[in-house]
């Protein structure tokens, strides 16, 4: 019985995460805007036994800075100097929701 409950709980969490990703994807498709942001910092989190995690901080508006985890396809941005410009996309009615453009 406990295994069934655990499986149901894990499935529910996976389903919720997929729904969130689908909703975000739809928002970018419907309301996505492309612009240029400036790299203003970087951070590396030591993973210990696991791979390190790399982040850059970018800014495309004066009122906030975004911390973006770099996946494999974007890792080269970690080597770029501060002030380097990157292309990003954001949701027009929620600019806090942004991501590095492919």
PDB file of N, CA and C in Angstrom:
ATOM      1  N   UNK A   1       0.822  -1.199   0.000  1.00  0.00           N
ATOM      2  CA  UNK A   1       0.000   0.000   0.000  1.00  0.00           C
ATOM      3  C   UNK A   1       0.867   1.264   0.000  1.00  0.00           C
ATOM      4  N   UNK A   2       1.936   1.253   0.819  1.00  0.00           N
ATOM      5  CA  UNK A   2       2.815   2.416   0.901  1.00  0.00           C
ATOM      6  C   UNK A   2       3.496   2.674  -0.439  1.00  0.00           C
ATOM      7  N   UNK A   3       3.846   1.612  -1.161  1.00  0.00           N
ATOM      8  CA  UNK A   3       4.482   1.771  -2.468  1.00  0.00           C
ATOM      9  C   UNK A   3       3.516   2.415  -3.458  1.00  0.00           C
ATOM     10  N   UNK A   4       2.253   2.004  -3.412  1.00  0.00           N
ATOM     11  CA  UNK A   4       1.257   2.609  -4.297  1.00  0.00           C
ATOM     12  C   UNK A   4       1.069   4.089  -4.003  1.00  0.00           C
ATOM     13  N   UNK A   5       1.050   4.449  -2.731  1.00  0.00           N
ATOM     14  CA  UNK A   5       0.913   5.857  -2.358  1.00  0.00           C
ATOM     15  C   UNK A   5       2.120   6.661  -2.821  1.00  0.00           C
ATOM     16  N   UNK A   6       3.297   6.083  -2.649  1.00  0.00           N
ATOM     17  CA  UNK A   6       4.522   6.763  -3.091  1.00  0.00           C
ATOM     18  C   UNK A   6       4.503   6.944  -4.602  1.00  0.00           C
ATOM     19  N   UNK A   7       4.133   5.887  -5.344  1.00  0.00           N
ATOM     20  CA  UNK A   7       4.044   5.994  -6.796  1.00  0.00           C
ATOM     21  C   UNK A   7       3.044   7.069  -7.213  1.00  0.00           C
ATOM     22  N   UNK A   8       1.891   7.103  -6.576  1.00  0.00           N
ATOM     23  CA  UNK A   8       0.874   8.111  -6.894  1.00  0.00           C
ATOM     24  C   UNK A   8       1.392   9.508  -6.598  1.00  0.00           C
ATOM     25  N   UNK A   9       2.086   9.675  -5.492  1.00  0.00           N
ATOM     26  CA  UNK A   9       2.635  10.979  -5.114  1.00  0.00           C
ATOM     27  C   UNK A   9       3.693  11.426  -6.124  1.00  0.00           C
ATOM     28  N   UNK A  10       4.579  10.505  -6.525  1.00  0.00           N
ATOM     29  CA  UNK A  10       5.612  10.838  -7.506  1.00  0.00           C
ATOM     30  C   UNK A  10       4.996  11.172  -8.859  1.00  0.00           C
ATOM     31  N   UNK A  11       3.989  10.399  -9.272  1.00  0.00           N
ATOM     32  CA  UNK A  11       3.316  10.654 -10.543  1.00  0.00           C
ATOM     33  C   UNK A  11       2.642  12.018 -10.524  1.00  0.00           C
ATOM     34  N   UNK A  12       1.999  12.343  -9.414  1.00  0.00           N
ATOM     35  CA  UNK A  12       1.332  13.640  -9.286  1.00  0.00           C
ATOM     36  C   UNK A  12       2.335  14.787  -9.402  1.00  0.00           C
ATOM     37  N   UNK A  13       3.501  14.633  -8.760  1.00  0.00           N
ATOM     38  CA  UNK A  13       4.535  15.659  -8.844  1.00  0.00           C
ATOM     39  C   UNK A  13       5.080  15.803 -10.253  1.00  0.00           C
ATOM     40  N   UNK A  14       5.276  14.684 -10.932  1.00  0.00           N
ATOM     41  CA  UNK A  14       5.754  14.714 -12.315  1.00  0.00           C
ATOM     42  C   UNK A  14       4.715  15.369 -13.219  1.00  0.00           C
ATOM     43  N   UNK A  15       3.466  15.007 -13.046  1.00  0.00           N
ATOM     44  CA  UNK A  15       2.386  15.583 -13.843  1.00  0.00           C
ATOM     45  C   UNK A  15       2.305  17.092 -13.622  1.00  0.00           C
ATOM     46  N   UNK A  16       2.418  17.526 -12.379  1.00  0.00           N
ATOM     47  CA  UNK A  16       2.357  18.957 -12.052  1.00  0.00           C
ATOM     48  C   UNK A  16       3.518  19.699 -12.718  1.00  0.00           C
ATOM     49  N   UNK A  17       4.718  19.116 -12.687  1.00  0.00           N
ATOM     50  CA  UNK A  17       5.890  19.742 -13.299  1.00  0.00           C
ATOM     51  C   UNK A  17       5.719  19.840 -14.817  1.00  0.00           C
ATOM     52  N   UNK A  18       5.190  18.792 -15.447  1.00  0.00           N
ATOM     53  CA  UNK A  18       4.959  18.824 -16.893  1.00  0.00           C
ATOM     54  C   UNK A  18       3.912  19.878 -17.248  1.00  0.00           C
ATOM     55  N   UNK A  19       2.867  19.988 -16.442  1.00  0.00           N
ATOM     56  CA  UNK A  19       1.835  20.991 -16.691  1.00  0.00           C
ATOM     57  C   UNK A  19       2.413  22.397 -16.576  1.00  0.00           C
ATOM     58  N   UNK A  20       3.288  22.610 -15.596  1.00  0.00           N
ATOM     59  CA  UNK A  20       3.932  23.914 -15.413  1.00  0.00           C
ATOM     60  C   UNK A  20       4.799  24.249 -16.622  1.00  0.00           C
ATOM     61  N   UNK A  21       5.585  23.274 -17.089  1.00  0.00           N
ATOM     62  CA  UNK A  21       6.428  23.492 -18.263  1.00  0.00           C
ATOM     63  C   UNK A  21       5.589  23.804 -19.492  1.00  0.00           C
ATOM     64  N   UNK A  22       4.485  23.077 -19.669  1.00  0.00           N
ATOM     65  CA  UNK A  22       3.602  23.326 -20.809  1.00  0.00           C
ATOM     66  C   UNK A  22       3.000  24.717 -20.743  1.00  0.00           C
ATOM     67  N   UNK A  23       2.593  25.137 -19.539  1.00  0.00           N
ATOM     68  CA  UNK A  23       2.005  26.468 -19.362  1.00  0.00           C
ATOM     69  C   UNK A  23       3.052  27.550 -19.680  1.00  0.00           C
ATOM     70  N   UNK A  24       4.275  27.369 -19.180  1.00  0.00           N
ATOM     71  CA  UNK A  24       5.332  28.343 -19.455  1.00  0.00           C
ATOM     72  C   UNK A  24       5.650  28.393 -20.950  1.00  0.00           C
ATOM     73  N   UNK A  25       5.737  27.235 -21.576  1.00  0.00           N
ATOM     74  CA  UNK A  25       6.011  27.168 -23.002  1.00  0.00           C
ATOM     75  C   UNK A  25       4.928  27.908 -23.792  1.00  0.00           C
ATOM     76  N   UNK A  26       3.686  27.701 -23.427  1.00  0.00           N
ATOM     77  CA  UNK A  26       2.564  28.353 -24.099  1.00  0.00           C
ATOM     78  C   UNK A  26       2.630  29.878 -23.911  1.00  0.00           C
ATOM     79  N   UNK A  27       2.998  30.325 -22.704  1.00  0.00           N
ATOM     80  CA  UNK A  27       3.105  31.765 -22.455  1.00  0.00           C
ATOM     81  C   UNK A  27       4.191  32.390 -23.326  1.00  0.00           C
ATOM     82  N   UNK A  28       5.329  31.693 -23.461  1.00  0.00           N
ATOM     83  CA  UNK A  28       6.393  32.220 -24.317  1.00  0.00           C
ATOM     84  C   UNK A  28       5.956  32.240 -25.775  1.00  0.00           C
ATOM     85  N   UNK A  29       5.213  31.233 -26.217  1.00  0.00           N
ATOM     86  CA  UNK A  29       4.740  31.208 -27.600  1.00  0.00           C
ATOM     87  C   UNK A  29       3.726  32.316 -27.864  1.00  0.00           C
ATOM     88  N   UNK A  30       2.830  32.557 -26.919  1.00  0.00           N
ATOM     89  CA  UNK A  30       1.765  33.532 -27.119  1.00  0.00           C
ATOM     90  C   UNK A  30       2.185  34.968 -26.836  1.00  0.00           C
ATOM     91  N   UNK A  31       3.032  35.170 -25.828  1.00  0.00           N
ATOM     92  CA  UNK A  31       3.345  36.528 -25.376  1.00  0.00           C
ATOM     93  C   UNK A  31       4.845  36.818 -25.346  1.00  0.00           C
ATOM     94  N   UNK A  32       5.637  35.952 -25.973  1.00  0.00           N
ATOM     95  CA  UNK A  32       7.086  36.099 -25.913  1.00  0.00           C
ATOM     96  C   UNK A  32       7.611  37.280 -26.695  1.00  0.00           C
ATOM     97  N   UNK A  33       8.540  37.996 -26.099  1.00  0.00           N
ATOM     98  CA  UNK A  33       9.222  39.118 -26.729  1.00  0.00           C
ATOM     99  C   UNK A  33      10.718  38.824 -26.670  1.00  0.00           C
ATOM    100  N   UNK A  34      11.443  39.212 -27.695  1.00  0.00           N
ATOM    101  CA  UNK A  34      12.888  38.994 -27.751  1.00  0.00           C
ATOM    102  C   UNK A  34      13.583  40.327 -27.555  1.00  0.00           C
ATOM    103  N   UNK A  35      14.653  40.319 -26.761  1.00  0.00           N
ATOM    104  CA  UNK A  35      15.442  41.529 -26.550  1.00  0.00           C
ATOM    105  C   UNK A  35      16.875  41.127 -26.197  1.00  0.00           C
ATOM    106  N   UNK A  36      17.685  42.112 -25.935  1.00  0.00           N
ATOM    107  CA  UNK A  36      19.079  41.880 -25.577  1.00  0.00           C
ATOM    108  C   UNK A  36      19.267  42.234 -24.110  1.00  0.00           C
ATOM    109  N   UNK A  37      20.014  41.387 -23.406  1.00  0.00           N
ATOM    110  CA  UNK A  37      20.340  41.635 -22.005  1.00  0.00           C
ATOM    111  C   UNK A  37      21.856  41.678 -21.862  1.00  0.00           C
ATOM    112  N   UNK A  38      22.290  42.262 -20.771  1.00  0.00           N
ATOM    113  CA  UNK A  38      23.714  42.381 -20.504  1.00  0.00           C
ATOM    114  C   UNK A  38      24.086  41.476 -19.335  1.00  0.00           C
ATOM    115  N   UNK A  39      25.154  40.694 -19.487  1.00  0.00           N
ATOM    116  CA  UNK A  39      25.649  39.868 -18.386  1.00  0.00           C
ATOM    117  C   UNK A  39      26.247  40.802 -17.335  1.00  0.00           C
ATOM    118  N   UNK A  40      25.782  40.649 -16.083  1.00  0.00           N
ATOM    119  CA  UNK A  40      26.264  41.516 -15.010  1.00  0.00           C
ATOM    120  C   UNK A  40      26.951  40.725 -13.887  1.00  0.00           C
ATOM    121  N   UNK A  41      27.033  39.410 -14.026  1.00  0.00           N
ATOM    122  CA  UNK A  41      27.712  38.608 -13.019  1.00  0.00           C
ATOM    123  C   UNK A  41      27.625  37.131 -13.347  1.00  0.00           C
ATOM    124  N   UNK A  42      28.344  36.333 -12.551  1.00  0.00           N
ATOM    125  CA  UNK A  42      28.326  34.882 -12.725  1.00  0.00           C
ATOM    126  C   UNK A  42      28.573  34.211 -11.394  1.00  0.00           C
ATOM    127  N   UNK A  43      28.178  32.951 -11.318  1.00  0.00           N
ATOM    128  CA  UNK A  43      28.332  32.198 -10.071  1.00  0.00           C
ATOM    129  C   UNK A  43      28.485  30.717 -10.420  1.00  0.00           C
ATOM    130  N   UNK A  44      29.321  30.030  -9.653  1.00  0.00           N
ATOM    131  CA  UNK A  44      29.486  28.589  -9.802  1.00  0.00           C
ATOM    132  C   UNK A  44      29.231  27.954  -8.445  1.00  0.00           C
ATOM    133  N   UNK A  45      28.320  26.987  -8.424  1.00  0.00           N
ATOM    134  CA  UNK A  45      27.977  26.269  -7.201  1.00  0.00           C
ATOM    135  C   UNK A  45      28.679  24.917  -7.239  1.00  0.00           C
ATOM    136  N   UNK A  46      29.542  24.667  -6.261  1.00  0.00           N
ATOM    137  CA  UNK A  46      30.276  23.406  -6.203  1.00  0.00           C
ATOM    138  C   UNK A  46      29.308  22.265  -5.949  1.00  0.00           C
ATOM    139  N   UNK A  47      29.307  21.289  -6.834  1.00  0.00           N
ATOM    140  CA  UNK A  47      28.396  20.161  -6.722  1.00  0.00           C
ATOM    141  C   UNK A  47      28.921  19.030  -5.864  1.00  0.00           C
ATOM    142  N   UNK A  48      30.136  19.168  -5.347  1.00  0.00           N
ATOM    143  CA  UNK A  48      30.701  18.084  -4.541  1.00  0.00           C
ATOM    144  C   UNK A  48      30.911  16.855  -5.408  1.00  0.00           C
ATOM    145  N   UNK A  49      30.207  15.794  -5.106  1.00  0.00           N
ATOM    146  CA  UNK A  49      30.316  14.557  -5.886  1.00  0.00           C
ATOM    147  C   UNK A  49      29.621  14.681  -7.241  1.00  0.00           C
ATOM    148  N   UNK A  50      28.759  15.668  -7.378  1.00  0.00           N
ATOM    149  CA  UNK A  50      27.985  15.858  -8.605  1.00  0.00           C
ATOM    150  C   UNK A  50      28.585  17.004  -9.410  1.00  0.00           C
ATOM    151  N   UNK A  51      28.200  17.141 -10.674  1.00  0.00           N
ATOM    152  CA  UNK A  51      28.749  18.249 -11.475  1.00  0.00           C
ATOM    153  C   UNK A  51      28.408  19.608 -10.866  1.00  0.00           C
ATOM    154  N   UNK A  52      29.303  20.555 -11.069  1.00  0.00           N
ATOM    155  CA  UNK A  52      29.061  21.925 -10.615  1.00  0.00           C
ATOM    156  C   UNK A  52      27.869  22.511 -11.373  1.00  0.00           C
ATOM    157  N   UNK A  53      27.233  23.508 -10.792  1.00  0.00           N
ATOM    158  CA  UNK A  53      26.123  24.212 -11.430  1.00  0.00           C
ATOM    159  C   UNK A  53      26.577  25.637 -11.721  1.00  0.00           C
ATOM    160  N   UNK A  54      26.371  26.074 -12.948  1.00  0.00           N
ATOM    161  CA  UNK A  54      26.820  27.390 -13.379  1.00  0.00           C
ATOM    162  C   UNK A  54      25.626  28.310 -13.602  1.00  0.00           C
ATOM    163  N   UNK A  55      25.804  29.584 -13.204  1.00  0.00           N
ATOM    164  CA  UNK A  55      24.765  30.593 -13.357  1.00  0.00           C
ATOM    165  C   UNK A  55      25.387  31.852 -13.948  1.00  0.00           C
ATOM    166  N   UNK A  56      24.566  32.602 -14.668  1.00  0.00           N
ATOM    167  CA  UNK A  56      24.926  33.979 -14.992  1.00  0.00           C
ATOM    168  C   UNK A  56      23.795  34.862 -14.491  1.00  0.00           C
ATOM    169  N   UNK A  57      24.127  36.098 -14.248  1.00  0.00           N
ATOM    170  CA  UNK A  57      23.141  37.110 -13.902  1.00  0.00           C
ATOM    171  C   UNK A  57      23.060  38.049 -15.097  1.00  0.00           C
ATOM    172  N   UNK A  58      21.856  38.289 -15.590  1.00  0.00           N
ATOM    173  CA  UNK A  58      21.711  39.225 -16.703  1.00  0.00           C
ATOM    174  C   UNK A  58      20.640  40.253 -16.376  1.00  0.00           C
ATOM    175  N   UNK A  59      20.759  41.385 -17.062  1.00  0.00           N
ATOM    176  CA  UNK A  59      19.830  42.486 -16.820  1.00  0.00           C
ATOM    177  C   UNK A  59      19.383  43.062 -18.157  1.00  0.00           C
ATOM    178  N   UNK A  60      18.058  43.197 -18.309  1.00  0.00           N
ATOM    179  CA  UNK A  60      17.522  43.832 -19.508  1.00  0.00           C
ATOM    180  C   UNK A  60      16.558  44.953 -19.163  1.00  0.00           C
ATOM    181  N   UNK A  61      16.343  45.155 -17.877  1.00  0.00           N
ATOM    182  CA  UNK A  61      15.566  46.290 -17.360  1.00  0.00           C
ATOM    183  C   UNK A  61      16.296  46.812 -16.135  1.00  0.00           C
ATOM    184  N   UNK A  62      16.048  48.058 -15.779  1.00  0.00           N
ATOM    185  CA  UNK A  62      16.743  48.652 -14.642  1.00  0.00           C
ATOM    186  C   UNK A  62      16.208  48.204 -13.288  1.00  0.00           C
ATOM    187  N   UNK A  63      15.007  47.624 -13.257  1.00  0.00           N
ATOM    188  CA  UNK A  63      14.389  47.337 -11.970  1.00  0.00           C
ATOM    189  C   UNK A  63      14.633  45.933 -11.422  1.00  0.00           C
ATOM    190  N   UNK A  64      15.338  45.053 -12.150  1.00  0.00           N
ATOM    191  CA  UNK A  64      15.665  43.741 -11.601  1.00  0.00           C
ATOM    192  C   UNK A  64      16.774  43.068 -12.406  1.00  0.00           C
ATOM    193  N   UNK A  65      17.374  42.070 -11.787  1.00  0.00           N
ATOM    194  CA  UNK A  65      18.423  41.241 -12.396  1.00  0.00           C
ATOM    195  C   UNK A  65      17.953  39.798 -12.328  1.00  0.00           C
ATOM    196  N   UNK A  66      18.226  39.041 -13.384  1.00  0.00           N
ATOM    197  CA  UNK A  66      17.801  37.647 -13.475  1.00  0.00           C
ATOM    198  C   UNK A  66      18.989  36.728 -13.234  1.00  0.00           C
ATOM    199  N   UNK A  67      18.793  35.693 -12.411  1.00  0.00           N
ATOM    200  CA  UNK A  67      19.797  34.656 -12.200  1.00  0.00           C
ATOM    201  C   UNK A  67      19.361  33.447 -13.030  1.00  0.00           C
ATOM    202  N   UNK A  68      20.185  33.054 -14.001  1.00  0.00           N
ATOM    203  CA  UNK A  68      19.827  31.970 -14.912  1.00  0.00           C
ATOM    204  C   UNK A  68      20.808  30.810 -14.772  1.00  0.00           C
ATOM    205  N   UNK A  69      20.259  29.628 -14.503  1.00  0.00           N
ATOM    206  CA  UNK A  69      21.097  28.427 -14.476  1.00  0.00           C
ATOM    207  C   UNK A  69      21.449  28.082 -15.922  1.00  0.00           C
ATOM    208  N   UNK A  70      22.725  27.782 -16.145  1.00  0.00           N
ATOM    209  CA  UNK A  70      23.180  27.480 -17.495  1.00  0.00           C
ATOM    210  C   UNK A  70      23.142  25.986 -17.744  1.00  0.00           C
ATOM    211  N   UNK A  71      22.320  25.583 -18.670  1.00  0.00           N
ATOM    212  CA  UNK A  71      22.279  24.193 -19.117  1.00  0.00           C
ATOM    213  C   UNK A  71      23.410  24.007 -20.130  1.00  0.00           C
ATOM    214  N   UNK A  72      23.643  22.798 -20.556  1.00  0.00           N
ATOM    215  CA  UNK A  72      24.761  22.499 -21.459  1.00  0.00           C
ATOM    216  C   UNK A  72      24.815  23.401 -22.684  1.00  0.00           C
ATOM    217  N   UNK A  73      23.662  23.655 -23.297  1.00  0.00           N
ATOM    218  CA  UNK A  73      23.656  24.451 -24.527  1.00  0.00           C
ATOM    219  C   UNK A  73      24.022  25.916 -24.300  1.00  0.00           C
ATOM    220  N   UNK A  74      24.019  26.381 -23.052  1.00  0.00           N
ATOM    221  CA  UNK A  74      24.329  27.778 -22.741  1.00  0.00           C
ATOM    222  C   UNK A  74      25.594  27.944 -21.893  1.00  0.00           C
ATOM    223  N   UNK A  75      26.311  26.861 -21.598  1.00  0.00           N
ATOM    224  CA  UNK A  75      27.460  26.948 -20.686  1.00  0.00           C
ATOM    225  C   UNK A  75      28.534  27.924 -21.150  1.00  0.00           C
ATOM    226  N   UNK A  76      28.653  28.131 -22.457  1.00  0.00           N
ATOM    227  CA  UNK A  76      29.677  29.046 -22.958  1.00  0.00           C
ATOM    228  C   UNK A  76      29.474  30.476 -22.460  1.00  0.00           C
ATOM    229  N   UNK A  77      28.247  30.836 -22.063  1.00  0.00           N
ATOM    230  CA  UNK A  77      28.004  32.182 -21.546  1.00  0.00           C
ATOM    231  C   UNK A  77      28.753  32.425 -20.239  1.00  0.00           C
ATOM    232  N   UNK A  78      29.075  31.369 -19.512  1.00  0.00           N
ATOM    233  CA  UNK A  78      29.784  31.532 -18.240  1.00  0.00           C
ATOM    234  C   UNK A  78      31.160  32.158 -18.465  1.00  0.00           C
ATOM    235  N   UNK A  79      31.744  31.903 -19.614  1.00  0.00           N
ATOM    236  CA  UNK A  79      33.081  32.425 -19.926  1.00  0.00           C
ATOM    237  C   UNK A  79      33.053  33.853 -20.459  1.00  0.00           C
ATOM    238  N   UNK A  80      31.890  34.361 -20.787  1.00  0.00           N
ATOM    239  CA  UNK A  80      31.780  35.699 -21.371  1.00  0.00           C
ATOM    240  C   UNK A  80      31.986  36.765 -20.295  1.00  0.00           C
ATOM    241  N   UNK A  81      32.609  37.871 -20.670  1.00  0.00           N
ATOM    242  CA  UNK A  81      32.863  38.935 -19.686  1.00  0.00           C
ATOM    243  C   UNK A  81      31.583  39.679 -19.307  1.00  0.00           C
ATOM    244  N   UNK A  82      31.624  40.315 -18.150  1.00  0.00           N
ATOM    245  CA  UNK A  82      30.511  41.178 -17.766  1.00  0.00           C
ATOM    246  C   UNK A  82      30.373  42.271 -18.816  1.00  0.00           C
ATOM    247  N   UNK A  83      29.152  42.597 -19.143  1.00  0.00           N
ATOM    248  CA  UNK A  83      28.881  43.573 -20.193  1.00  0.00           C
ATOM    249  C   UNK A  83      28.570  42.922 -21.526  1.00  0.00           C
ATOM    250  N   UNK A  84      28.900  41.633 -21.680  1.00  0.00           N
ATOM    251  CA  UNK A  84      28.595  40.909 -22.910  1.00  0.00           C
ATOM    252  C   UNK A  84      27.087  40.847 -23.080  1.00  0.00           C
ATOM    253  N   UNK A  85      26.610  41.013 -24.295  1.00  0.00           N
ATOM    254  CA  UNK A  85      25.170  41.012 -24.545  1.00  0.00           C
ATOM    255  C   UNK A  85      24.707  39.636 -25.018  1.00  0.00           C
ATOM    256  N   UNK A  86      23.586  39.190 -24.444  1.00  0.00           N
ATOM    257  CA  UNK A  86      22.980  37.911 -24.805  1.00  0.00           C
ATOM    258  C   UNK A  86      21.539  38.158 -25.226  1.00  0.00           C
ATOM    259  N   UNK A  87      21.058  37.323 -26.120  1.00  0.00           N
ATOM    260  CA  UNK A  87      19.672  37.433 -26.550  1.00  0.00           C
ATOM    261  C   UNK A  87      18.794  36.626 -25.595  1.00  0.00           C
ATOM    262  N   UNK A  88      17.728  37.241 -25.129  1.00  0.00           N
ATOM    263  CA  UNK A  88      16.798  36.568 -24.210  1.00  0.00           C
ATOM    264  C   UNK A  88      15.382  36.753 -24.740  1.00  0.00           C
ATOM    265  N   UNK A  89      14.479  35.984 -24.189  1.00  0.00           N
ATOM    266  CA  UNK A  89      13.068  36.217 -24.447  1.00  0.00           C
ATOM    267  C   UNK A  89      12.351  36.294 -23.111  1.00  0.00           C
ATOM    268  N   UNK A  90      11.296  37.084 -23.081  1.00  0.00           N
ATOM    269  CA  UNK A  90      10.525  37.269 -21.858  1.00  0.00           C
ATOM    270  C   UNK A  90       9.045  37.336 -22.207  1.00  0.00           C
ATOM    271  N   UNK A  91       8.218  37.114 -21.205  1.00  0.00           N
ATOM    272  CA  UNK A  91       6.771  37.180 -21.381  1.00  0.00           C
ATOM    273  C   UNK A  91       6.363  38.644 -21.234  1.00  0.00           C
ATOM    274  N   UNK A  92       5.670  39.169 -22.247  1.00  0.00           N
ATOM    275  CA  UNK A  92       5.390  40.612 -22.314  1.00  0.00           C
ATOM    276  C   UNK A  92       4.659  41.157 -21.093  1.00  0.00           C
ATOM    277  N   UNK A  93       3.704  40.427 -20.541  1.00  0.00           N
ATOM    278  CA  UNK A  93       2.979  40.945 -19.379  1.00  0.00           C
ATOM    279  C   UNK A  93       3.572  40.476 -18.053  1.00  0.00           C
ATOM    280  N   UNK A  94       4.718  39.798 -18.098  1.00  0.00           N
ATOM    281  CA  UNK A  94       5.416  39.342 -16.886  1.00  0.00           C
ATOM    282  C   UNK A  94       6.911  39.256 -17.190  1.00  0.00           C
ATOM    283  N   UNK A  95       7.602  40.390 -17.314  1.00  0.00           N
ATOM    284  CA  UNK A  95       9.001  40.376 -17.731  1.00  0.00           C
ATOM    285  C   UNK A  95       9.951  39.640 -16.784  1.00  0.00           C
ATOM    286  N   UNK A  96       9.515  39.386 -15.550  1.00  0.00           N
ATOM    287  CA  UNK A  96      10.343  38.611 -14.635  1.00  0.00           C
ATOM    288  C   UNK A  96      10.514  37.192 -15.167  1.00  0.00           C
ATOM    289  N   UNK A  97       9.552  36.729 -15.951  1.00  0.00           N
ATOM    290  CA  UNK A  97       9.621  35.399 -16.563  1.00  0.00           C
ATOM    291  C   UNK A  97      10.409  35.538 -17.870  1.00  0.00           C
ATOM    292  N   UNK A  98      11.667  35.152 -17.819  1.00  0.00           N
ATOM    293  CA  UNK A  98      12.525  35.279 -18.994  1.00  0.00           C
ATOM    294  C   UNK A  98      13.456  34.083 -19.064  1.00  0.00           C
ATOM    295  N   UNK A  99      14.091  33.933 -20.218  1.00  0.00           N
ATOM    296  CA  UNK A  99      15.039  32.831 -20.406  1.00  0.00           C
ATOM    297  C   UNK A  99      16.009  33.188 -21.524  1.00  0.00           C
ATOM    298  N   UNK A 100      17.159  32.531 -21.506  1.00  0.00           N
ATOM    299  CA  UNK A 100      18.121  32.724 -22.565  1.00  0.00           C
ATOM    300  C   UNK A 100      17.547  32.145 -23.853  1.00  0.00           C
ATOM    301  N   UNK A 101      17.737  32.868 -24.924  1.00  0.00           N
ATOM    302  CA  UNK A 101      17.214  32.404 -26.222  1.00  0.00           C
ATOM    303  C   UNK A 101      18.215  31.420 -26.822  1.00  0.00           C
ATOM    304  N   UNK A 102      17.696  30.427 -27.497  1.00  0.00           N
ATOM    305  CA  UNK A 102      18.563  29.440 -28.161  1.00  0.00           C
ATOM    306  C   UNK A 102      19.212  30.031 -29.379  1.00  0.00           C
TER     307      UNK A 102
END
